[in-house]
Amino acid sequence: MRDQLLRRVRAAVAALVLTGLVVAPFVVDDYTAAILARTLALGLVGVSVALLTGVAGMPTLGQTAPYAAGAYASAVLGSQVSDVGVVQLAVAALAGATLAAVTLPLVVPARGVIVLMITLAIGELVVTVLGRWRSVTGGTDGLAGITPVRPLWGLPVLASDRARYVYTLVVVAALVGAVLLLMRTRFGLVLRAGRDDEARLRASGHRVPLHLSGAHVAAGAIAGAAGSLLVVAQEYVSPADFGFDTSALLLLGVVIGGTASVGGALVGAVLVIAVRDWLFGVLPGHAPLVLGALFVATVYLLPTGLRRVRHPREGSRQPVPASDHPAPPATRAPELRV
């Protein structure tokens, strides 16, 4: 009964938030539109967190790393090479995916809290590098005066905050739709089956590390694309945009929206970031304390979401998809990774 009520509340909140995002450019001022565009970019990073945490069973606090890589790649490209939005999106996604691929040997073999600590360390290391690489990133001062983008060749540049918001909304909707379609494929089914029972999936002949690597790289590409949208929204980027507080807020938003729900993660992240920005104006100096209390309350009131983060490989009735590879010999026990 409680779960059914909770699902209805989540569905109602999601519908309200999505409706608000669609009508926002027609009813808000330019400043609010800019804030909403930045919030949508962070929501897309939340989608990448949900892909790893809830779908693949790899809880993460490090998606700000590919997010930062994509943002700086887009900013440098926009200032020196091309102002076309789709080109910057592609390069930013490639930068995020490349960083994720480089860190595969560290992340994929780990499990549980160890993954959280490794990904957190990667995120903090990237922020440190960005702050010290002044010749490229501008150091802690960041990069300002970034050239406005044009969505496609031949189109005018996005000269207003409303135009940049609409562009961000369209890109986020397209990428979220692509992720939802991906989750309906055999690849998505294998990821969920491995999250629920990795030993069984291994025993049926599936290459679990290969699928987890694919999910990690795909999540990096999504976060990198979100970095490009951040640059479009605020025409400025600095290491302060990618700190630990951002990682924690994104994970909180994913827990609120449902760790295994891509759409819910987007809605949850948007809500959390919006509440944070509102609290900073209403309660200056006390917003982090209120957000901490909100995080504790969420963990207590949404035990299902927390359980998925702490115990990503629980038992499940979900069928294991057929493998293209033969199962291991009966005399050989399936490998278990802790």
C-alpha atoms as a PDB file:
ATOM      1  CA  MET A   1       0.000   0.000   0.000  1.00  0.00           C
ATOM      2  CA  ARG A   2       2.769   2.384   0.960  1.00  0.00           C
ATOM      3  CA  ASP A   3       4.770   1.522  -2.170  1.00  0.00           C
ATOM      4  CA  GLN A   4       1.736   2.103  -4.365  1.00  0.00           C
ATOM      5  CA  LEU A   5       1.098   5.491  -2.757  1.00  0.00           C
ATOM      6  CA  LEU A   6       4.756   6.402  -3.157  1.00  0.00           C
ATOM      7  CA  ARG A   7       4.669   5.512  -6.853  1.00  0.00           C
ATOM      8  CA  ARG A   8       1.601   7.701  -7.358  1.00  0.00           C
ATOM      9  CA  VAL A   9       3.239  10.623  -5.573  1.00  0.00           C
ATOM     10  CA  ARG A  10       6.389  10.232  -7.669  1.00  0.00           C
ATOM     11  CA  ALA A  11       4.347  10.067 -10.876  1.00  0.00           C
ATOM     12  CA  ALA A  12       2.409  13.202  -9.935  1.00  0.00           C
ATOM     13  CA  VAL A  13       5.578  15.117  -9.022  1.00  0.00           C
ATOM     14  CA  ALA A  14       7.288  13.985 -12.221  1.00  0.00           C
ATOM     15  CA  ALA A  15       4.336  15.099 -14.350  1.00  0.00           C
ATOM     16  CA  LEU A  16       4.246  18.466 -12.576  1.00  0.00           C
ATOM     17  CA  VAL A  17       7.987  19.041 -12.983  1.00  0.00           C
ATOM     18  CA  LEU A  18       8.045  18.022 -16.642  1.00  0.00           C
ATOM     19  CA  THR A  19       5.052  20.240 -17.421  1.00  0.00           C
ATOM     20  CA  GLY A  20       6.748  23.127 -15.669  1.00  0.00           C
ATOM     21  CA  LEU A  21       9.950  22.608 -17.672  1.00  0.00           C
ATOM     22  CA  VAL A  22       8.026  22.740 -20.949  1.00  0.00           C
ATOM     23  CA  VAL A  23       6.057  25.900 -20.183  1.00  0.00           C
ATOM     24  CA  ALA A  24       8.888  27.651 -18.305  1.00  0.00           C
ATOM     25  CA  PRO A  25      10.324  29.699 -21.219  1.00  0.00           C
ATOM     26  CA  PHE A  26       6.914  31.319 -21.743  1.00  0.00           C
ATOM     27  CA  VAL A  27       6.304  32.383 -18.133  1.00  0.00           C
ATOM     28  CA  VAL A  28       9.680  33.121 -16.502  1.00  0.00           C
ATOM     29  CA  ASP A  29      12.204  35.925 -16.902  1.00  0.00           C
ATOM     30  CA  ASP A  30      15.626  35.554 -18.519  1.00  0.00           C
ATOM     31  CA  TYR A  31      17.484  35.051 -15.244  1.00  0.00           C
ATOM     32  CA  THR A  32      15.201  32.205 -14.174  1.00  0.00           C
ATOM     33  CA  ALA A  33      15.492  30.638 -17.628  1.00  0.00           C
ATOM     34  CA  ALA A  34      19.286  30.642 -17.283  1.00  0.00           C
ATOM     35  CA  ILE A  35      19.061  28.979 -13.865  1.00  0.00           C
ATOM     36  CA  LEU A  36      16.669  26.356 -15.226  1.00  0.00           C
ATOM     37  CA  ALA A  37      18.968  25.609 -18.167  1.00  0.00           C
ATOM     38  CA  ARG A  38      21.865  25.005 -15.782  1.00  0.00           C
ATOM     39  CA  THR A  39      19.588  22.840 -13.632  1.00  0.00           C
ATOM     40  CA  LEU A  40      18.633  20.741 -16.650  1.00  0.00           C
ATOM     41  CA  ALA A  41      22.302  20.161 -17.436  1.00  0.00           C
ATOM     42  CA  LEU A  42      22.838  18.897 -13.892  1.00  0.00           C
ATOM     43  CA  GLY A  43      19.719  16.762 -14.240  1.00  0.00           C
ATOM     44  CA  LEU A  44      21.301  15.070 -17.251  1.00  0.00           C
ATOM     45  CA  VAL A  45      24.333  14.238 -15.103  1.00  0.00           C
ATOM     46  CA  GLY A  46      21.837  12.728 -12.660  1.00  0.00           C
ATOM     47  CA  VAL A  47      20.656  10.466 -15.478  1.00  0.00           C
ATOM     48  CA  SER A  48      24.226   9.203 -15.899  1.00  0.00           C
ATOM     49  CA  VAL A  49      24.397   8.590 -12.135  1.00  0.00           C
ATOM     50  CA  ALA A  50      21.164   6.582 -12.288  1.00  0.00           C
ATOM     51  CA  LEU A  51      22.493   4.543 -15.214  1.00  0.00           C
ATOM     52  CA  LEU A  52      25.490   3.491 -13.136  1.00  0.00           C
ATOM     53  CA  THR A  53      23.953   3.333  -9.664  1.00  0.00           C
ATOM     54  CA  GLY A  54      20.494   1.933 -10.221  1.00  0.00           C
ATOM     55  CA  VAL A  55      20.752   0.113 -13.542  1.00  0.00           C
ATOM     56  CA  ALA A  56      24.315  -1.221 -13.551  1.00  0.00           C
ATOM     57  CA  GLY A  57      24.664  -1.509  -9.771  1.00  0.00           C
ATOM     58  CA  MET A  58      27.791   0.677  -9.535  1.00  0.00           C
ATOM     59  CA  PRO A  59      27.096   3.498  -7.026  1.00  0.00           C
ATOM     60  CA  THR A  60      29.123   6.554  -7.938  1.00  0.00           C
ATOM     61  CA  LEU A  61      30.123   9.945  -6.607  1.00  0.00           C
ATOM     62  CA  GLY A  62      32.421  10.728  -9.513  1.00  0.00           C
ATOM     63  CA  GLN A  63      30.243  11.679 -12.467  1.00  0.00           C
ATOM     64  CA  THR A  64      31.364  15.264 -12.057  1.00  0.00           C
ATOM     65  CA  ALA A  65      34.691  14.136 -13.582  1.00  0.00           C
ATOM     66  CA  PRO A  66      33.373  13.415 -17.117  1.00  0.00           C
ATOM     67  CA  TYR A  67      30.957  16.318 -16.621  1.00  0.00           C
ATOM     68  CA  ALA A  68      33.948  18.636 -16.137  1.00  0.00           C
ATOM     69  CA  ALA A  69      35.867  17.067 -19.026  1.00  0.00           C
ATOM     70  CA  GLY A  70      32.945  17.670 -21.362  1.00  0.00           C
ATOM     71  CA  ALA A  71      32.445  21.235 -20.157  1.00  0.00           C
ATOM     72  CA  TYR A  72      36.065  22.288 -20.659  1.00  0.00           C
ATOM     73  CA  ALA A  73      36.331  20.463 -23.990  1.00  0.00           C
ATOM     74  CA  SER A  74      33.237  22.315 -25.202  1.00  0.00           C
ATOM     75  CA  ALA A  75      34.472  25.661 -23.871  1.00  0.00           C
ATOM     76  CA  VAL A  76      37.897  25.379 -25.508  1.00  0.00           C
ATOM     77  CA  LEU A  77      36.404  24.139 -28.774  1.00  0.00           C
ATOM     78  CA  GLY A  78      33.812  26.923 -28.816  1.00  0.00           C
ATOM     79  CA  SER A  79      36.389  29.615 -28.222  1.00  0.00           C
ATOM     80  CA  GLN A  80      38.970  28.398 -30.748  1.00  0.00           C
ATOM     81  CA  VAL A  81      37.431  26.066 -33.348  1.00  0.00           C
ATOM     82  CA  SER A  82      33.635  25.912 -33.786  1.00  0.00           C
ATOM     83  CA  ASP A  83      30.556  27.567 -32.332  1.00  0.00           C
ATOM     84  CA  VAL A  84      28.171  24.872 -33.642  1.00  0.00           C
ATOM     85  CA  GLY A  85      26.261  23.246 -30.801  1.00  0.00           C
ATOM     86  CA  VAL A  86      26.091  19.710 -32.192  1.00  0.00           C
ATOM     87  CA  VAL A  87      29.855  19.717 -32.788  1.00  0.00           C
ATOM     88  CA  GLN A  88      30.498  20.831 -29.228  1.00  0.00           C
ATOM     89  CA  LEU A  89      28.074  18.197 -27.926  1.00  0.00           C
ATOM     90  CA  ALA A  90      29.863  15.442 -29.834  1.00  0.00           C
ATOM     91  CA  VAL A  91      33.312  16.533 -28.667  1.00  0.00           C
ATOM     92  CA  ALA A  92      32.131  16.935 -25.076  1.00  0.00           C
ATOM     93  CA  ALA A  93      30.533  13.470 -25.097  1.00  0.00           C
ATOM     94  CA  LEU A  94      33.752  12.032 -26.530  1.00  0.00           C
ATOM     95  CA  ALA A  95      35.799  13.740 -23.804  1.00  0.00           C
ATOM     96  CA  GLY A  96      33.547  12.350 -21.071  1.00  0.00           C
ATOM     97  CA  ALA A  97      33.597   8.862 -22.588  1.00  0.00           C
ATOM     98  CA  THR A  98      37.398   8.962 -22.939  1.00  0.00           C
ATOM     99  CA  LEU A  99      37.879   9.911 -19.298  1.00  0.00           C
ATOM    100  CA  ALA A 100      35.493   7.150 -18.253  1.00  0.00           C
ATOM    101  CA  ALA A 101      37.391   4.643 -20.427  1.00  0.00           C
ATOM    102  CA  VAL A 102      40.704   5.654 -18.846  1.00  0.00           C
ATOM    103  CA  THR A 103      39.342   4.981 -15.359  1.00  0.00           C
ATOM    104  CA  LEU A 104      37.788   1.595 -16.229  1.00  0.00           C
ATOM    105  CA  PRO A 105      40.576  -0.471 -14.587  1.00  0.00           C
ATOM    106  CA  LEU A 106      39.930   1.352 -11.309  1.00  0.00           C
ATOM    107  CA  VAL A 107      36.144   1.344 -11.266  1.00  0.00           C
ATOM    108  CA  VAL A 108      34.866  -1.846 -12.901  1.00  0.00           C
ATOM    109  CA  PRO A 109      36.600  -4.428 -10.634  1.00  0.00           C
ATOM    110  CA  ALA A 110      35.365  -2.691  -7.458  1.00  0.00           C
ATOM    111  CA  ARG A 111      32.011  -3.037  -5.697  1.00  0.00           C
ATOM    112  CA  GLY A 112      29.843  -1.263  -3.122  1.00  0.00           C
ATOM    113  CA  VAL A 113      31.382   1.418  -0.921  1.00  0.00           C
ATOM    114  CA  ILE A 114      34.760   0.892  -2.582  1.00  0.00           C
ATOM    115  CA  VAL A 115      33.289   2.143  -5.871  1.00  0.00           C
ATOM    116  CA  LEU A 116      31.947   5.223  -4.109  1.00  0.00           C
ATOM    117  CA  MET A 117      35.364   6.050  -2.658  1.00  0.00           C
ATOM    118  CA  ILE A 118      37.231   5.421  -5.924  1.00  0.00           C
ATOM    119  CA  THR A 119      34.830   7.531  -7.996  1.00  0.00           C
ATOM    120  CA  LEU A 120      34.892  10.290  -5.380  1.00  0.00           C
ATOM    121  CA  ALA A 121      38.688  10.329  -5.519  1.00  0.00           C
ATOM    122  CA  ILE A 122      38.626  10.505  -9.316  1.00  0.00           C
ATOM    123  CA  GLY A 123      36.215  13.430  -9.218  1.00  0.00           C
ATOM    124  CA  GLU A 124      38.293  15.354  -6.694  1.00  0.00           C
ATOM    125  CA  LEU A 125      41.500  14.639  -8.621  1.00  0.00           C
ATOM    126  CA  VAL A 126      39.977  16.036 -11.814  1.00  0.00           C
ATOM    127  CA  VAL A 127      38.873  19.198 -10.000  1.00  0.00           C
ATOM    128  CA  THR A 128      42.420  19.626  -8.628  1.00  0.00           C
ATOM    129  CA  VAL A 129      43.950  19.222 -12.096  1.00  0.00           C
ATOM    130  CA  LEU A 130      41.518  21.761 -13.543  1.00  0.00           C
ATOM    131  CA  GLY A 131      42.448  24.264 -10.854  1.00  0.00           C
ATOM    132  CA  ARG A 132      46.178  23.929 -11.563  1.00  0.00           C
ATOM    133  CA  TRP A 133      46.170  23.721 -15.386  1.00  0.00           C
ATOM    134  CA  ARG A 134      45.907  27.467 -15.865  1.00  0.00           C
ATOM    135  CA  SER A 135      47.149  27.565 -19.459  1.00  0.00           C
ATOM    136  CA  VAL A 136      44.116  25.589 -20.656  1.00  0.00           C
ATOM    137  CA  THR A 137      41.425  25.876 -17.982  1.00  0.00           C
ATOM    138  CA  GLY A 138      42.148  29.323 -16.585  1.00  0.00           C
ATOM    139  CA  GLY A 139      42.798  27.777 -13.166  1.00  0.00           C
ATOM    140  CA  THR A 140      40.432  28.563 -10.330  1.00  0.00           C
ATOM    141  CA  ASP A 141      39.347  31.719 -12.178  1.00  0.00           C
ATOM    142  CA  GLY A 142      37.765  29.573 -14.872  1.00  0.00           C
ATOM    143  CA  LEU A 143      37.019  30.460 -18.487  1.00  0.00           C
ATOM    144  CA  ALA A 144      34.793  33.445 -19.194  1.00  0.00           C
ATOM    145  CA  GLY A 145      33.544  35.161 -22.343  1.00  0.00           C
ATOM    146  CA  ILE A 146      32.853  31.882 -24.152  1.00  0.00           C
ATOM    147  CA  THR A 147      31.440  32.364 -27.648  1.00  0.00           C
ATOM    148  CA  PRO A 148      27.649  31.817 -27.859  1.00  0.00           C
ATOM    149  CA  VAL A 149      26.675  28.693 -29.769  1.00  0.00           C
ATOM    150  CA  ARG A 150      24.447  28.163 -32.779  1.00  0.00           C
ATOM    151  CA  PRO A 151      22.484  24.863 -32.724  1.00  0.00           C
ATOM    152  CA  LEU A 152      23.322  23.883 -36.333  1.00  0.00           C
ATOM    153  CA  TRP A 153      25.274  25.270 -39.266  1.00  0.00           C
ATOM    154  CA  GLY A 154      23.527  28.269 -40.817  1.00  0.00           C
ATOM    155  CA  LEU A 155      21.292  28.991 -37.814  1.00  0.00           C
ATOM    156  CA  PRO A 156      21.620  32.161 -35.713  1.00  0.00           C
ATOM    157  CA  VAL A 157      23.450  32.051 -32.407  1.00  0.00           C
ATOM    158  CA  LEU A 158      21.500  31.541 -29.186  1.00  0.00           C
ATOM    159  CA  ALA A 159      21.523  35.170 -28.096  1.00  0.00           C
ATOM    160  CA  SER A 160      19.008  35.030 -25.222  1.00  0.00           C
ATOM    161  CA  ASP A 161      18.648  32.987 -22.053  1.00  0.00           C
ATOM    162  CA  ARG A 162      15.270  31.699 -23.228  1.00  0.00           C
ATOM    163  CA  ALA A 163      16.762  30.459 -26.502  1.00  0.00           C
ATOM    164  CA  ARG A 164      19.581  28.724 -24.619  1.00  0.00           C
ATOM    165  CA  TYR A 165      17.046  27.118 -22.288  1.00  0.00           C
ATOM    166  CA  VAL A 166      14.964  25.763 -25.177  1.00  0.00           C
ATOM    167  CA  TYR A 167      18.117  24.349 -26.788  1.00  0.00           C
ATOM    168  CA  THR A 168      19.124  22.692 -23.513  1.00  0.00           C
ATOM    169  CA  LEU A 169      15.637  21.263 -23.001  1.00  0.00           C
ATOM    170  CA  VAL A 170      15.553  19.750 -26.509  1.00  0.00           C
ATOM    171  CA  VAL A 171      18.992  18.160 -26.130  1.00  0.00           C
ATOM    172  CA  VAL A 172      18.190  16.766 -22.666  1.00  0.00           C
ATOM    173  CA  ALA A 173      14.883  15.325 -23.911  1.00  0.00           C
ATOM    174  CA  ALA A 174      16.639  13.670 -26.866  1.00  0.00           C
ATOM    175  CA  LEU A 175      19.408  12.158 -24.737  1.00  0.00           C
ATOM    176  CA  VAL A 176      17.037  10.927 -22.027  1.00  0.00           C
ATOM    177  CA  GLY A 177      14.872   9.350 -24.713  1.00  0.00           C
ATOM    178  CA  ALA A 178      17.944   7.613 -26.157  1.00  0.00           C
ATOM    179  CA  VAL A 179      18.872   6.256 -22.718  1.00  0.00           C
ATOM    180  CA  LEU A 180      15.332   4.985 -22.151  1.00  0.00           C
ATOM    181  CA  LEU A 181      15.447   3.183 -25.503  1.00  0.00           C
ATOM    182  CA  LEU A 182      18.841   1.724 -24.607  1.00  0.00           C
ATOM    183  CA  MET A 183      17.410   0.342 -21.365  1.00  0.00           C
ATOM    184  CA  ARG A 184      14.804  -1.588 -23.379  1.00  0.00           C
ATOM    185  CA  THR A 185      17.465  -3.395 -25.381  1.00  0.00           C
ATOM    186  CA  ARG A 186      19.240  -6.617 -24.499  1.00  0.00           C
ATOM    187  CA  PHE A 187      22.132  -4.540 -23.138  1.00  0.00           C
ATOM    188  CA  GLY A 188      19.866  -2.866 -20.576  1.00  0.00           C
ATOM    189  CA  LEU A 189      18.346  -6.190 -19.572  1.00  0.00           C
ATOM    190  CA  VAL A 190      21.792  -7.690 -19.001  1.00  0.00           C
ATOM    191  CA  LEU A 191      22.811  -4.722 -16.857  1.00  0.00           C
ATOM    192  CA  ARG A 192      19.754  -5.104 -14.638  1.00  0.00           C
ATOM    193  CA  ALA A 193      20.227  -8.851 -14.376  1.00  0.00           C
ATOM    194  CA  GLY A 194      23.861  -8.359 -13.342  1.00  0.00           C
ATOM    195  CA  ARG A 195      22.838  -5.808 -10.752  1.00  0.00           C
ATOM    196  CA  ASP A 196      20.392  -8.285  -9.214  1.00  0.00           C
ATOM    197  CA  ASP A 197      22.483 -11.461  -9.389  1.00  0.00           C
ATOM    198  CA  GLU A 198      25.963 -11.156 -10.851  1.00  0.00           C
ATOM    199  CA  ALA A 199      26.998 -14.720  -9.944  1.00  0.00           C
ATOM    200  CA  ARG A 200      24.065 -16.161 -11.890  1.00  0.00           C
ATOM    201  CA  LEU A 201      24.788 -13.943 -14.866  1.00  0.00           C
ATOM    202  CA  ARG A 202      28.423 -15.061 -14.893  1.00  0.00           C
ATOM    203  CA  ALA A 203      27.397 -18.708 -14.611  1.00  0.00           C
ATOM    204  CA  SER A 204      25.182 -18.317 -17.691  1.00  0.00           C
ATOM    205  CA  GLY A 205      28.205 -17.263 -19.744  1.00  0.00           C
ATOM    206  CA  HIS A 206      27.838 -13.487 -19.890  1.00  0.00           C
ATOM    207  CA  ARG A 207      30.848 -11.170 -19.866  1.00  0.00           C
ATOM    208  CA  VAL A 208      29.852  -9.020 -16.914  1.00  0.00           C
ATOM    209  CA  PRO A 209      32.962  -6.760 -16.918  1.00  0.00           C
ATOM    210  CA  LEU A 210      32.379  -5.984 -20.598  1.00  0.00           C
ATOM    211  CA  HIS A 211      28.791  -4.870 -19.983  1.00  0.00           C
ATOM    212  CA  LEU A 212      29.785  -2.817 -16.928  1.00  0.00           C
ATOM    213  CA  SER A 213      32.534  -1.162 -18.963  1.00  0.00           C
ATOM    214  CA  GLY A 214      30.021  -0.252 -21.650  1.00  0.00           C
ATOM    215  CA  ALA A 215      27.684   1.265 -19.060  1.00  0.00           C
ATOM    216  CA  HIS A 216      30.531   3.253 -17.489  1.00  0.00           C
ATOM    217  CA  VAL A 217      31.666   4.685 -20.828  1.00  0.00           C
ATOM    218  CA  ALA A 218      28.074   5.463 -21.878  1.00  0.00           C
ATOM    219  CA  ALA A 219      27.455   7.267 -18.587  1.00  0.00           C
ATOM    220  CA  GLY A 220      30.662   9.233 -19.113  1.00  0.00           C
ATOM    221  CA  ALA A 221      29.472  10.312 -22.560  1.00  0.00           C
ATOM    222  CA  ILE A 222      26.121  11.457 -21.149  1.00  0.00           C
ATOM    223  CA  ALA A 223      27.828  13.454 -18.390  1.00  0.00           C
ATOM    224  CA  GLY A 224      30.225  14.958 -20.935  1.00  0.00           C
ATOM    225  CA  ALA A 225      27.306  16.118 -23.093  1.00  0.00           C
ATOM    226  CA  ALA A 226      25.776  17.672 -19.967  1.00  0.00           C
ATOM    227  CA  GLY A 227      29.024  19.618 -19.514  1.00  0.00           C
ATOM    228  CA  SER A 228      28.564  21.136 -22.956  1.00  0.00           C
ATOM    229  CA  LEU A 229      25.032  22.203 -21.999  1.00  0.00           C
ATOM    230  CA  LEU A 230      26.389  23.829 -18.833  1.00  0.00           C
ATOM    231  CA  VAL A 231      28.727  25.959 -20.936  1.00  0.00           C
ATOM    232  CA  VAL A 232      25.839  26.921 -23.223  1.00  0.00           C
ATOM    233  CA  ALA A 233      23.665  27.889 -20.251  1.00  0.00           C
ATOM    234  CA  GLN A 234      26.098  30.099 -18.355  1.00  0.00           C
ATOM    235  CA  GLU A 235      28.843  30.927 -20.930  1.00  0.00           C
ATOM    236  CA  TYR A 236      31.355  30.432 -18.139  1.00  0.00           C
ATOM    237  CA  VAL A 237      32.958  27.431 -16.470  1.00  0.00           C
ATOM    238  CA  SER A 238      35.221  26.969 -13.451  1.00  0.00           C
ATOM    239  CA  PRO A 239      36.356  24.087 -11.187  1.00  0.00           C
ATOM    240  CA  ALA A 240      33.844  25.272  -8.570  1.00  0.00           C
ATOM    241  CA  ASP A 241      31.056  23.839 -10.748  1.00  0.00           C
ATOM    242  CA  PHE A 242      32.302  20.272 -10.192  1.00  0.00           C
ATOM    243  CA  GLY A 243      33.025  19.909  -6.474  1.00  0.00           C
ATOM    244  CA  PHE A 244      31.944  17.243  -4.008  1.00  0.00           C
ATOM    245  CA  ASP A 245      28.783  19.141  -3.070  1.00  0.00           C
ATOM    246  CA  THR A 246      27.563  18.772  -6.652  1.00  0.00           C
ATOM    247  CA  SER A 247      28.255  15.013  -6.593  1.00  0.00           C
ATOM    248  CA  ALA A 248      26.389  14.605  -3.307  1.00  0.00           C
ATOM    249  CA  LEU A 249      23.393  16.597  -4.529  1.00  0.00           C
ATOM    250  CA  LEU A 250      23.192  14.544  -7.703  1.00  0.00           C
ATOM    251  CA  LEU A 251      23.212  11.284  -5.747  1.00  0.00           C
ATOM    252  CA  LEU A 252      20.529  12.695  -3.444  1.00  0.00           C
ATOM    253  CA  GLY A 253      18.389  13.590  -6.450  1.00  0.00           C
ATOM    254  CA  VAL A 254      18.800  10.096  -7.881  1.00  0.00           C
ATOM    255  CA  VAL A 255      17.745   8.527  -4.561  1.00  0.00           C
ATOM    256  CA  ILE A 256      14.667  10.755  -4.434  1.00  0.00           C
ATOM    257  CA  GLY A 257      13.682  10.014  -8.035  1.00  0.00           C
ATOM    258  CA  GLY A 258      14.411   6.280  -7.767  1.00  0.00           C
ATOM    259  CA  THR A 259      17.838   4.826  -8.385  1.00  0.00           C
ATOM    260  CA  ALA A 260      16.620   2.478 -11.119  1.00  0.00           C
ATOM    261  CA  SER A 261      14.495   5.117 -12.883  1.00  0.00           C
ATOM    262  CA  VAL A 262      16.181   7.240 -15.549  1.00  0.00           C
ATOM    263  CA  GLY A 263      13.277   9.691 -15.796  1.00  0.00           C
ATOM    264  CA  GLY A 264      12.908   9.770 -12.022  1.00  0.00           C
ATOM    265  CA  ALA A 265      16.602  10.575 -11.652  1.00  0.00           C
ATOM    266  CA  LEU A 266      16.209  13.575 -13.969  1.00  0.00           C
ATOM    267  CA  VAL A 267      13.196  14.846 -12.029  1.00  0.00           C
ATOM    268  CA  GLY A 268      14.842  14.223  -8.647  1.00  0.00           C
ATOM    269  CA  ALA A 269      18.053  15.997  -9.622  1.00  0.00           C
ATOM    270  CA  VAL A 270      16.116  18.977 -11.007  1.00  0.00           C
ATOM    271  CA  LEU A 271      14.104  19.222  -7.785  1.00  0.00           C
ATOM    272  CA  VAL A 272      17.159  19.027  -5.525  1.00  0.00           C
ATOM    273  CA  ILE A 273      19.143  21.629  -7.483  1.00  0.00           C
ATOM    274  CA  ALA A 274      16.121  23.934  -7.634  1.00  0.00           C
ATOM    275  CA  VAL A 275      15.601  23.615  -3.875  1.00  0.00           C
ATOM    276  CA  ARG A 276      19.293  24.314  -3.263  1.00  0.00           C
ATOM    277  CA  ASP A 277      19.260  27.489  -5.378  1.00  0.00           C
ATOM    278  CA  TRP A 278      16.066  28.638  -3.660  1.00  0.00           C
ATOM    279  CA  LEU A 279      17.475  27.937  -0.191  1.00  0.00           C
ATOM    280  CA  PHE A 280      20.645  29.883  -0.911  1.00  0.00           C
ATOM    281  CA  GLY A 281      18.481  32.946  -1.460  1.00  0.00           C
ATOM    282  CA  VAL A 282      16.092  32.373   1.458  1.00  0.00           C
ATOM    283  CA  LEU A 283      18.564  31.013   4.042  1.00  0.00           C
ATOM    284  CA  PRO A 284      21.997  32.415   3.210  1.00  0.00           C
ATOM    285  CA  GLY A 285      24.669  30.495   5.091  1.00  0.00           C
ATOM    286  CA  HIS A 286      22.271  27.755   6.245  1.00  0.00           C
ATOM    287  CA  ALA A 287      21.422  26.055   2.945  1.00  0.00           C
ATOM    288  CA  PRO A 288      24.040  23.245   3.335  1.00  0.00           C
ATOM    289  CA  LEU A 289      22.623  22.385   6.779  1.00  0.00           C
ATOM    290  CA  VAL A 290      19.065  22.188   5.433  1.00  0.00           C
ATOM    291  CA  LEU A 291      20.195  20.075   2.489  1.00  0.00           C
ATOM    292  CA  GLY A 292      22.007  17.729   4.871  1.00  0.00           C
ATOM    293  CA  ALA A 293      18.823  17.294   6.879  1.00  0.00           C
ATOM    294  CA  LEU A 294      16.943  16.676   3.628  1.00  0.00           C
ATOM    295  CA  PHE A 295      19.433  13.978   2.688  1.00  0.00           C
ATOM    296  CA  VAL A 296      19.011  12.229   6.062  1.00  0.00           C
ATOM    297  CA  ALA A 297      15.223  12.417   5.769  1.00  0.00           C
ATOM    298  CA  THR A 298      15.340  11.018   2.247  1.00  0.00           C
ATOM    299  CA  VAL A 299      17.473   8.087   3.337  1.00  0.00           C
ATOM    300  CA  TYR A 300      15.008   7.358   6.158  1.00  0.00           C
ATOM    301  CA  LEU A 301      11.783   7.828   4.203  1.00  0.00           C
ATOM    302  CA  LEU A 302      12.938   6.119   0.984  1.00  0.00           C
ATOM    303  CA  PRO A 303      14.566   2.889   2.148  1.00  0.00           C
ATOM    304  CA  THR A 304      14.068   1.235  -1.238  1.00  0.00           C
ATOM    305  CA  GLY A 305      16.272   3.780  -2.927  1.00  0.00           C
ATOM    306  CA  LEU A 306      18.944   3.500  -0.251  1.00  0.00           C
ATOM    307  CA  ARG A 307      18.892  -0.285  -0.373  1.00  0.00           C
ATOM    308  CA  ARG A 308      19.552  -0.189  -4.103  1.00  0.00           C
ATOM    309  CA  VAL A 309      22.585   2.035  -3.559  1.00  0.00           C
ATOM    310  CA  ARG A 310      24.048  -0.063  -0.746  1.00  0.00           C
ATOM    311  CA  HIS A 311      23.089  -3.498  -2.072  1.00  0.00           C
ATOM    312  CA  PRO A 312      23.061  -3.317  -5.852  1.00  0.00           C
ATOM    313  CA  ARG A 313      23.093  -7.078  -6.396  1.00  0.00           C
ATOM    314  CA  GLU A 314      20.043  -8.378  -4.571  1.00  0.00           C
ATOM    315  CA  GLY A 315      18.062 -11.421  -5.612  1.00  0.00           C
ATOM    316  CA  SER A 316      15.490 -10.887  -8.344  1.00  0.00           C
ATOM    317  CA  ARG A 317      12.894 -12.791 -10.293  1.00  0.00           C
ATOM    318  CA  GLN A 318      14.004 -11.083 -13.470  1.00  0.00           C
ATOM    319  CA  PRO A 319      15.004 -13.657 -16.120  1.00  0.00           C
ATOM    320  CA  VAL A 320      18.624 -13.810 -17.194  1.00  0.00           C
ATOM    321  CA  PRO A 321      18.933 -13.143 -20.938  1.00  0.00           C
ATOM    322  CA  ALA A 322      20.459 -15.812 -23.095  1.00  0.00           C
ATOM    323  CA  SER A 323      24.182 -15.512 -23.667  1.00  0.00           C
ATOM    324  CA  ASP A 324      26.041 -15.622 -26.936  1.00  0.00           C
ATOM    325  CA  HIS A 325      28.859 -17.476 -25.183  1.00  0.00           C
ATOM    326  CA  PRO A 326      28.860 -20.966 -23.685  1.00  0.00           C
ATOM    327  CA  ALA A 327      28.388 -21.307 -19.949  1.00  0.00           C
ATOM    328  CA  PRO A 328      31.392 -22.274 -17.832  1.00  0.00           C
ATOM    329  CA  PRO A 329      31.945 -26.002 -17.193  1.00  0.00           C
ATOM    330  CA  ALA A 330      29.807 -27.485 -14.443  1.00  0.00           C
ATOM    331  CA  THR A 331      32.872 -28.341 -12.393  1.00  0.00           C
ATOM    332  CA  ARG A 332      33.999 -24.734 -12.239  1.00  0.00           C
ATOM    333  CA  ALA A 333      32.314 -22.481  -9.683  1.00  0.00           C
ATOM    334  CA  PRO A 334      31.257 -19.061 -10.930  1.00  0.00           C
ATOM    335  CA  GLU A 335      33.578 -16.259  -9.933  1.00  0.00           C
ATOM    336  CA  LEU A 336      32.319 -14.006  -7.150  1.00  0.00           C
ATOM    337  CA  ARG A 337      33.592 -10.488  -6.745  1.00  0.00           C
ATOM    338  CA  VAL A 338      33.151  -8.642  -3.484  1.00  0.00           C
END
